[in-house]
Amino acid sequence: MVTEGTKKQKSFLEKELSGKFVHLKVDACIRVRVNYFAINIHYFAKDGTVITTTLSVTDTRNQHASVVLQKLVLDVLNDFEIEKKRLYVLLTTMHPA
């Protein structure tokens, strides 16, 4: 269930990111049989400070195929209205179990 506070934060983030370039970082690891896949972004706020925030953490349910991970990333980008042309870096980090 999405709370009202979460909806407000998402709306703020969508406005904050509108038209900005973002650094996208995806990270995956397996801990106690849960396959975490996190999507984080870094961007510059209006005052010039660098902001880091997590957009999504998902259990991939042992689905590591590139097509599955690509869909997860694209779904989150679409959900936050971030255009692919606004990505200037895509960094991945995969941690061993």
Protein backbone atom coordinates (compact mmCIF):
# COMPACT_ATOMS: atom_id res chain seq x y z
CA MET A 1 0.00 0.00 0.00
CA VAL A 2 1.40 3.38 -1.00
CA THR A 3 1.04 6.03 1.67
CA GLU A 4 0.13 9.66 1.05
CA GLY A 5 3.65 10.69 2.10
CA THR A 6 5.15 8.35 -0.48
CA LYS A 7 2.92 9.81 -3.20
CA LYS A 8 4.01 13.34 -2.24
CA GLN A 9 7.69 12.35 -2.26
CA LYS A 10 7.31 10.71 -5.68
CA SER A 11 5.53 13.77 -7.05
CA PHE A 12 8.28 16.03 -5.66
CA LEU A 13 10.96 13.82 -7.22
CA GLU A 14 9.25 13.81 -10.62
CA LYS A 15 9.16 17.62 -10.59
CA GLU A 16 12.73 17.86 -9.27
CA LEU A 17 14.05 15.56 -12.02
CA SER A 18 12.08 17.10 -14.87
CA GLY A 19 14.49 17.94 -17.68
CA LYS A 20 17.60 17.04 -15.64
CA PHE A 21 20.33 14.60 -16.49
CA VAL A 22 20.73 11.80 -13.97
CA HIS A 23 23.37 9.26 -13.05
CA LEU A 24 21.67 5.88 -12.74
CA LYS A 25 23.21 3.15 -10.59
CA VAL A 26 21.83 -0.36 -10.38
CA ASP A 27 23.02 -2.82 -7.79
CA ALA A 28 22.20 -6.48 -7.30
CA CYS A 29 22.99 -8.98 -4.59
CA ILE A 30 21.61 -12.13 -3.02
CA ARG A 31 21.07 -12.26 0.73
CA VAL A 32 19.35 -15.17 2.48
CA ARG A 33 17.62 -16.33 -0.71
CA VAL A 34 16.33 -12.84 -1.60
CA ASN A 35 17.58 -11.44 -4.92
CA TYR A 36 17.79 -7.69 -4.34
CA PHE A 37 17.91 -5.36 -7.33
CA ALA A 38 18.21 -1.68 -6.39
CA ILE A 39 17.89 1.34 -8.66
CA ASN A 40 19.46 4.55 -7.37
CA ILE A 41 20.03 7.95 -8.95
CA HIS A 42 22.37 10.86 -8.39
CA TYR A 43 21.46 14.34 -9.62
CA PHE A 44 22.16 18.00 -8.95
CA ALA A 45 19.64 19.92 -6.88
CA LYS A 46 18.80 23.52 -7.76
CA ASP A 47 21.40 24.76 -5.24
CA GLY A 48 24.12 22.61 -6.85
CA THR A 49 24.35 19.90 -4.20
CA VAL A 50 24.48 16.29 -5.34
CA ILE A 51 21.45 14.29 -4.27
CA THR A 52 21.40 10.50 -4.07
CA THR A 53 18.11 8.67 -3.76
CA THR A 54 16.76 5.17 -4.18
CA LEU A 55 13.95 4.77 -6.68
CA SER A 56 13.34 1.05 -6.27
CA VAL A 57 14.42 -2.10 -4.45
CA THR A 58 12.94 -5.27 -5.88
CA ASP A 59 13.24 -9.01 -5.31
CA THR A 60 13.94 -10.39 -8.78
CA ARG A 61 12.87 -13.88 -7.63
CA ASN A 62 16.02 -15.41 -9.09
CA GLN A 63 15.43 -13.84 -12.52
CA HIS A 64 18.82 -12.47 -13.60
CA ALA A 65 18.41 -12.46 -17.38
CA SER A 66 19.32 -9.14 -18.96
CA VAL A 67 15.84 -8.81 -20.50
CA VAL A 68 14.25 -9.09 -17.02
CA LEU A 69 16.61 -6.52 -15.47
CA GLN A 70 16.19 -4.19 -18.46
CA LYS A 71 12.41 -4.29 -18.01
CA LEU A 72 12.76 -3.48 -14.30
CA VAL A 73 14.95 -0.46 -15.08
CA LEU A 74 12.72 0.80 -17.89
CA ASP A 75 9.58 0.37 -15.76
CA VAL A 76 11.09 2.45 -12.95
CA LEU A 77 12.33 5.13 -15.36
CA ASN A 78 8.84 5.32 -16.86
CA ASP A 79 7.22 5.36 -13.43
CA PHE A 80 9.32 8.40 -12.44
CA GLU A 81 8.99 9.98 -15.91
CA ILE A 82 12.75 9.90 -16.51
CA GLU A 83 13.55 9.85 -20.22
CA LYS A 84 16.35 7.51 -21.35
CA LYS A 85 17.98 10.43 -23.16
CA ARG A 86 18.46 12.10 -19.72
CA LEU A 87 20.79 9.33 -18.48
CA TYR A 88 24.41 10.31 -18.64
CA VAL A 89 25.81 7.31 -16.76
CA LEU A 90 24.56 3.82 -16.08
CA LEU A 91 26.69 2.08 -13.47
CA THR A 92 26.19 -1.49 -12.32
CA THR A 93 27.61 -3.19 -9.28
CA MET A 94 27.03 -6.87 -8.71
CA HIS A 95 28.03 -8.26 -5.33
CA PRO A 96 28.80 -11.93 -4.80
CA ALA A 97 26.67 -13.83 -2.28
